[in-house]
Amino acid sequence: MNNNINLLKQNYPNIHKDIIKIFPNKNTYEIIKTKTRESTLKINDKDKFYFLHSKYNPNREGKKT
C-alpha cells in the first residue's frame, strides 16, 4: 500500500493530497488477526476499543442471520 501512495505522490501530487485526506488514521483503525487466523477491524476510541466483527471467529459471526 505504501508503494502505491508513494507512486501517487511522485506522479500525481494532486491526487495524492486528496487520498491522504481520506486515508484512515492507523492509531484509530487496525486490521488484526483473530484466533481463527482471519482478519477483523479493531477500532480504538480513546481508552476503549471495539471490533467490527468477532475477535474470535468473524466468519461464523457473519454467517449468523
PDB file of N, CA and C in Angstrom:
ATOM      1  N   MET A   1       0.822  -1.185   0.000  1.00  0.00           N
ATOM      2  CA  MET A   1       0.000   0.000   0.000  1.00  0.00           C
ATOM      3  C   MET A   1       0.867   1.249   0.000  1.00  0.00           C
ATOM      4  N   ASN A   2       1.938   1.237   0.790  1.00  0.00           N
ATOM      5  CA  ASN A   2       2.811   2.413   0.840  1.00  0.00           C
ATOM      6  C   ASN A   2       3.461   2.685  -0.502  1.00  0.00           C
ATOM      7  N   ASN A   3       3.776   1.632  -1.251  1.00  0.00           N
ATOM      8  CA  ASN A   3       4.352   1.837  -2.581  1.00  0.00           C
ATOM      9  C   ASN A   3       3.380   2.583  -3.484  1.00  0.00           C
ATOM     10  N   ASN A   4       2.106   2.239  -3.391  1.00  0.00           N
ATOM     11  CA  ASN A   4       1.097   2.920  -4.199  1.00  0.00           C
ATOM     12  C   ASN A   4       0.966   4.385  -3.811  1.00  0.00           C
ATOM     13  N   ILE A   5       0.989   4.641  -2.517  1.00  0.00           N
ATOM     14  CA  ILE A   5       0.885   6.024  -2.040  1.00  0.00           C
ATOM     15  C   ILE A   5       2.094   6.839  -2.505  1.00  0.00           C
ATOM     16  N   ASN A   6       3.266   6.248  -2.428  1.00  0.00           N
ATOM     17  CA  ASN A   6       4.480   6.948  -2.881  1.00  0.00           C
ATOM     18  C   ASN A   6       4.447   7.206  -4.377  1.00  0.00           C
ATOM     19  N   LEU A   7       3.949   6.252  -5.139  1.00  0.00           N
ATOM     20  CA  LEU A   7       3.830   6.433  -6.587  1.00  0.00           C
ATOM     21  C   LEU A   7       2.887   7.591  -6.904  1.00  0.00           C
ATOM     22  N   LEU A   8       1.767   7.636  -6.203  1.00  0.00           N
ATOM     23  CA  LEU A   8       0.847   8.757  -6.396  1.00  0.00           C
ATOM     24  C   LEU A   8       1.513  10.083  -6.052  1.00  0.00           C
ATOM     25  N   LYS A   9       2.232  10.102  -4.955  1.00  0.00           N
ATOM     26  CA  LYS A   9       2.892  11.344  -4.516  1.00  0.00           C
ATOM     27  C   LYS A   9       3.866  11.840  -5.564  1.00  0.00           C
ATOM     28  N   GLN A  10       4.632  10.940  -6.146  1.00  0.00           N
ATOM     29  CA  GLN A  10       5.635  11.324  -7.146  1.00  0.00           C
ATOM     30  C   GLN A  10       5.012  11.738  -8.477  1.00  0.00           C
ATOM     31  N   ASN A  11       4.018  10.963  -8.934  1.00  0.00           N
ATOM     32  CA  ASN A  11       3.494  11.169 -10.287  1.00  0.00           C
ATOM     33  C   ASN A  11       2.203  11.974 -10.351  1.00  0.00           C
ATOM     34  N   TYR A  12       1.439  11.946  -9.276  1.00  0.00           N
ATOM     35  CA  TYR A  12       0.150  12.632  -9.270  1.00  0.00           C
ATOM     36  C   TYR A  12      -0.054  13.338  -7.929  1.00  0.00           C
ATOM     37  N   PRO A  13       0.688  14.401  -7.686  1.00  0.00           N
ATOM     38  CA  PRO A  13       0.643  15.049  -6.365  1.00  0.00           C
ATOM     39  C   PRO A  13      -0.745  15.554  -5.958  1.00  0.00           C
ATOM     40  N   ASN A  14      -1.541  15.995  -6.906  1.00  0.00           N
ATOM     41  CA  ASN A  14      -2.883  16.485  -6.553  1.00  0.00           C
ATOM     42  C   ASN A  14      -3.781  15.349  -6.083  1.00  0.00           C
ATOM     43  N   ILE A  15      -3.705  14.205  -6.753  1.00  0.00           N
ATOM     44  CA  ILE A  15      -4.487  13.046  -6.331  1.00  0.00           C
ATOM     45  C   ILE A  15      -3.985  12.562  -4.970  1.00  0.00           C
ATOM     46  N   HIS A  16      -2.670  12.577  -4.792  1.00  0.00           N
ATOM     47  CA  HIS A  16      -2.084  12.156  -3.518  1.00  0.00           C
ATOM     48  C   HIS A  16      -2.641  12.990  -2.365  1.00  0.00           C
ATOM     49  N   LYS A  17      -2.733  14.298  -2.539  1.00  0.00           N
ATOM     50  CA  LYS A  17      -3.260  15.182  -1.489  1.00  0.00           C
ATOM     51  C   LYS A  17      -4.697  14.802  -1.128  1.00  0.00           C
ATOM     52  N   ASP A  18      -5.506  14.474  -2.143  1.00  0.00           N
ATOM     53  CA  ASP A  18      -6.894  14.089  -1.886  1.00  0.00           C
ATOM     54  C   ASP A  18      -6.982  12.746  -1.166  1.00  0.00           C
ATOM     55  N   ILE A  19      -6.144  11.799  -1.564  1.00  0.00           N
ATOM     56  CA  ILE A  19      -6.155  10.474  -0.936  1.00  0.00           C
ATOM     57  C   ILE A  19      -5.744  10.576   0.528  1.00  0.00           C
ATOM     58  N   ILE A  20      -4.722  11.346   0.819  1.00  0.00           N
ATOM     59  CA  ILE A  20      -4.238  11.485   2.194  1.00  0.00           C
ATOM     60  C   ILE A  20      -5.328  12.031   3.118  1.00  0.00           C
ATOM     61  N   LYS A  21      -6.192  12.877   2.592  1.00  0.00           N
ATOM     62  CA  LYS A  21      -7.270  13.448   3.401  1.00  0.00           C
ATOM     63  C   LYS A  21      -8.239  12.380   3.895  1.00  0.00           C
ATOM     64  N   ILE A  22      -8.437  11.316   3.105  1.00  0.00           N
ATOM     65  CA  ILE A  22      -9.404  10.282   3.486  1.00  0.00           C
ATOM     66  C   ILE A  22      -8.740   9.008   3.999  1.00  0.00           C
ATOM     67  N   PHE A  23      -7.426   8.984   4.038  1.00  0.00           N
ATOM     68  CA  PHE A  23      -6.697   7.802   4.494  1.00  0.00           C
ATOM     69  C   PHE A  23      -6.961   7.596   5.983  1.00  0.00           C
ATOM     70  N   PRO A  24      -7.384   6.391   6.389  1.00  0.00           N
ATOM     71  CA  PRO A  24      -7.707   6.175   7.805  1.00  0.00           C
ATOM     72  C   PRO A  24      -6.509   6.341   8.736  1.00  0.00           C
ATOM     73  N   ASN A  25      -6.763   6.837   9.903  1.00  0.00           N
ATOM     74  CA  ASN A  25      -5.744   7.011  10.927  1.00  0.00           C
ATOM     75  C   ASN A  25      -5.356   5.641  11.484  1.00  0.00           C
ATOM     76  N   LYS A  26      -4.080   5.274  11.376  1.00  0.00           N
ATOM     77  CA  LYS A  26      -3.620   3.957  11.826  1.00  0.00           C
ATOM     78  C   LYS A  26      -3.715   3.791  13.339  1.00  0.00           C
ATOM     79  N   ASN A  27      -3.782   4.873  14.089  1.00  0.00           N
ATOM     80  CA  ASN A  27      -3.948   4.775  15.537  1.00  0.00           C
ATOM     81  C   ASN A  27      -5.392   4.475  15.916  1.00  0.00           C
ATOM     82  N   THR A  28      -6.324   4.805  15.028  1.00  0.00           N
ATOM     83  CA  THR A  28      -7.738   4.569  15.293  1.00  0.00           C
ATOM     84  C   THR A  28      -8.197   3.223  14.759  1.00  0.00           C
ATOM     85  N   TYR A  29      -7.745   2.849  13.564  1.00  0.00           N
ATOM     86  CA  TYR A  29      -8.197   1.626  12.913  1.00  0.00           C
ATOM     87  C   TYR A  29      -7.034   0.655  12.738  1.00  0.00           C
ATOM     88  N   GLU A  30      -7.265  -0.592  13.123  1.00  0.00           N
ATOM     89  CA  GLU A  30      -6.247  -1.635  12.958  1.00  0.00           C
ATOM     90  C   GLU A  30      -6.906  -2.880  12.387  1.00  0.00           C
ATOM     91  N   ILE A  31      -6.249  -3.523  11.453  1.00  0.00           N
ATOM     92  CA  ILE A  31      -6.691  -4.825  10.990  1.00  0.00           C
ATOM     93  C   ILE A  31      -5.870  -5.844  11.760  1.00  0.00           C
ATOM     94  N   ILE A  32      -6.562  -6.700  12.504  1.00  0.00           N
ATOM     95  CA  ILE A  32      -5.858  -7.670  13.335  1.00  0.00           C
ATOM     96  C   ILE A  32      -6.263  -9.088  12.944  1.00  0.00           C
ATOM     97  N   LYS A  33      -5.405 -10.035  13.285  1.00  0.00           N
ATOM     98  CA  LYS A  33      -5.695 -11.455  13.078  1.00  0.00           C
ATOM     99  C   LYS A  33      -6.441 -11.984  14.289  1.00  0.00           C
ATOM    100  N   THR A  34      -7.466 -12.782  14.040  1.00  0.00           N
ATOM    101  CA  THR A  34      -8.257 -13.374  15.110  1.00  0.00           C
ATOM    102  C   THR A  34      -7.671 -14.730  15.497  1.00  0.00           C
ATOM    103  N   LYS A  35      -8.299 -15.371  16.479  1.00  0.00           N
ATOM    104  CA  LYS A  35      -7.836 -16.684  16.911  1.00  0.00           C
ATOM    105  C   LYS A  35      -7.992 -17.728  15.810  1.00  0.00           C
ATOM    106  N   THR A  36      -8.904 -17.477  14.859  1.00  0.00           N
ATOM    107  CA  THR A  36      -9.087 -18.393  13.730  1.00  0.00           C
ATOM    108  C   THR A  36      -8.254 -17.977  12.521  1.00  0.00           C
ATOM    109  N   ARG A  37      -7.347 -17.030  12.735  1.00  0.00           N
ATOM    110  CA  ARG A  37      -6.406 -16.523  11.730  1.00  0.00           C
ATOM    111  C   ARG A  37      -7.083 -15.776  10.583  1.00  0.00           C
ATOM    112  N   GLU A  38      -8.284 -15.276  10.858  1.00  0.00           N
ATOM    113  CA  GLU A  38      -8.968 -14.416   9.909  1.00  0.00           C
ATOM    114  C   GLU A  38      -8.706 -12.967  10.323  1.00  0.00           C
ATOM    115  N   SER A  39      -9.074 -12.046   9.471  1.00  0.00           N
ATOM    116  CA  SER A  39      -8.865 -10.627   9.792  1.00  0.00           C
ATOM    117  C   SER A  39     -10.159  -9.995  10.252  1.00  0.00           C
ATOM    118  N   THR A  40     -10.031  -9.021  11.145  1.00  0.00           N
ATOM    119  CA  THR A  40     -11.162  -8.206  11.568  1.00  0.00           C
ATOM    120  C   THR A  40     -10.659  -6.794  11.864  1.00  0.00           C
ATOM    121  N   LEU A  41     -11.565  -5.871  11.930  1.00  0.00           N
ATOM    122  CA  LEU A  41     -11.211  -4.476  12.169  1.00  0.00           C
ATOM    123  C   LEU A  41     -11.369  -4.136  13.642  1.00  0.00           C
ATOM    124  N   LYS A  42     -10.316  -3.579  14.229  1.00  0.00           N
ATOM    125  CA  LYS A  42     -10.340  -3.096  15.609  1.00  0.00           C
ATOM    126  C   LYS A  42     -10.369  -1.573  15.551  1.00  0.00           C
ATOM    127  N   ILE A  43     -11.303  -0.980  16.275  1.00  0.00           N
ATOM    128  CA  ILE A  43     -11.457   0.470  16.299  1.00  0.00           C
ATOM    129  C   ILE A  43     -11.092   0.964  17.700  1.00  0.00           C
ATOM    130  N   ASN A  44     -10.060   1.781  17.773  1.00  0.00           N
ATOM    131  CA  ASN A  44      -9.594   2.351  19.037  1.00  0.00           C
ATOM    132  C   ASN A  44     -10.222   3.729  19.229  1.00  0.00           C
ATOM    133  N   ASP A  45     -10.861   3.901  20.375  1.00  0.00           N
ATOM    134  CA  ASP A  45     -11.534   5.169  20.666  1.00  0.00           C
ATOM    135  C   ASP A  45     -11.140   5.614  22.069  1.00  0.00           C
ATOM    136  N   LYS A  46     -10.152   6.471  22.147  1.00  0.00           N
ATOM    137  CA  LYS A  46      -9.597   6.959  23.412  1.00  0.00           C
ATOM    138  C   LYS A  46      -9.121   5.785  24.249  1.00  0.00           C
ATOM    139  N   ASP A  47      -9.768   5.506  25.371  1.00  0.00           N
ATOM    140  CA  ASP A  47      -9.312   4.414  26.237  1.00  0.00           C
ATOM    141  C   ASP A  47     -10.123   3.131  26.048  1.00  0.00           C
ATOM    142  N   LYS A  48     -10.969   3.074  25.015  1.00  0.00           N
ATOM    143  CA  LYS A  48     -11.781   1.896  24.714  1.00  0.00           C
ATOM    144  C   LYS A  48     -11.458   1.396  23.310  1.00  0.00           C
ATOM    145  N   PHE A  49     -11.821   0.162  23.039  1.00  0.00           N
ATOM    146  CA  PHE A  49     -11.700  -0.344  21.679  1.00  0.00           C
ATOM    147  C   PHE A  49     -12.877  -1.250  21.372  1.00  0.00           C
ATOM    148  N   TYR A  50     -13.200  -1.341  20.078  1.00  0.00           N
ATOM    149  CA  TYR A  50     -14.333  -2.111  19.599  1.00  0.00           C
ATOM    150  C   TYR A  50     -13.883  -2.932  18.394  1.00  0.00           C
ATOM    151  N   PHE A  51     -14.590  -4.008  18.127  1.00  0.00           N
ATOM    152  CA  PHE A  51     -14.327  -4.821  16.949  1.00  0.00           C
ATOM    153  C   PHE A  51     -15.527  -4.739  16.017  1.00  0.00           C
ATOM    154  N   LEU A  52     -15.254  -4.648  14.722  1.00  0.00           N
ATOM    155  CA  LEU A  52     -16.339  -4.636  13.749  1.00  0.00           C
ATOM    156  C   LEU A  52     -17.053  -5.983  13.755  1.00  0.00           C
ATOM    157  N   HIS A  53     -16.285  -7.048  13.865  1.00  0.00           N
ATOM    158  CA  HIS A  53     -16.813  -8.408  13.967  1.00  0.00           C
ATOM    159  C   HIS A  53     -16.117  -9.093  15.132  1.00  0.00           C
ATOM    160  N   SER A  54     -16.515 -10.325  15.380  1.00  0.00           N
ATOM    161  CA  SER A  54     -15.951 -11.100  16.474  1.00  0.00           C
ATOM    162  C   SER A  54     -14.432 -11.146  16.406  1.00  0.00           C
ATOM    163  N   LYS A  55     -13.788 -10.996  17.564  1.00  0.00           N
ATOM    164  CA  LYS A  55     -12.328 -11.115  17.591  1.00  0.00           C
ATOM    165  C   LYS A  55     -11.902 -12.577  17.682  1.00  0.00           C
ATOM    166  N   TYR A  56     -12.877 -13.482  17.806  1.00  0.00           N
ATOM    167  CA  TYR A  56     -12.576 -14.907  17.891  1.00  0.00           C
ATOM    168  C   TYR A  56     -12.834 -15.628  16.564  1.00  0.00           C
ATOM    169  N   ASN A  57     -14.035 -15.431  15.994  1.00  0.00           N
ATOM    170  CA  ASN A  57     -14.384 -16.131  14.764  1.00  0.00           C
ATOM    171  C   ASN A  57     -15.328 -15.252  13.927  1.00  0.00           C
ATOM    172  N   PRO A  58     -14.799 -14.277  13.203  1.00  0.00           N
ATOM    173  CA  PRO A  58     -15.645 -13.336  12.460  1.00  0.00           C
ATOM    174  C   PRO A  58     -16.431 -14.004  11.331  1.00  0.00           C
ATOM    175  N   ASN A  59     -15.900 -15.072  10.761  1.00  0.00           N
ATOM    176  CA  ASN A  59     -16.593 -15.758   9.668  1.00  0.00           C
ATOM    177  C   ASN A  59     -17.889 -16.385  10.175  1.00  0.00           C
ATOM    178  N   ARG A  60     -17.834 -17.044  11.319  1.00  0.00           N
ATOM    179  CA  ARG A  60     -19.027 -17.664  11.897  1.00  0.00           C
ATOM    180  C   ARG A  60     -20.055 -16.581  12.259  1.00  0.00           C
ATOM    181  N   GLU A  61     -19.581 -15.485  12.818  1.00  0.00           N
ATOM    182  CA  GLU A  61     -20.488 -14.400  13.185  1.00  0.00           C
ATOM    183  C   GLU A  61     -21.173 -13.845  11.943  1.00  0.00           C
ATOM    184  N   GLY A  62     -20.438 -13.714  10.841  1.00  0.00           N
ATOM    185  CA  GLY A  62     -21.002 -13.177   9.606  1.00  0.00           C
ATOM    186  C   GLY A  62     -22.065 -14.063   9.001  1.00  0.00           C
ATOM    187  N   LYS A  63     -22.024 -15.357   9.285  1.00  0.00           N
ATOM    188  CA  LYS A  63     -22.997 -16.296   8.735  1.00  0.00           C
ATOM    189  C   LYS A  63     -24.299 -16.314   9.532  1.00  0.00           C
ATOM    190  N   LYS A  64     -24.281 -15.769  10.763  1.00  0.00           N
ATOM    191  CA  LYS A  64     -25.487 -15.725  11.566  1.00  0.00           C
ATOM    192  C   LYS A  64     -26.487 -14.764  10.947  1.00  0.00           C
ATOM    193  N   THR A  65     -27.747 -15.123  10.976  1.00  0.00           N
ATOM    194  CA  THR A  65     -28.781 -14.236  10.431  1.00  0.00           C
ATOM    195  C   THR A  65     -29.849 -13.955  11.425  1.00  0.00           C
TER     196      THR A  65
END
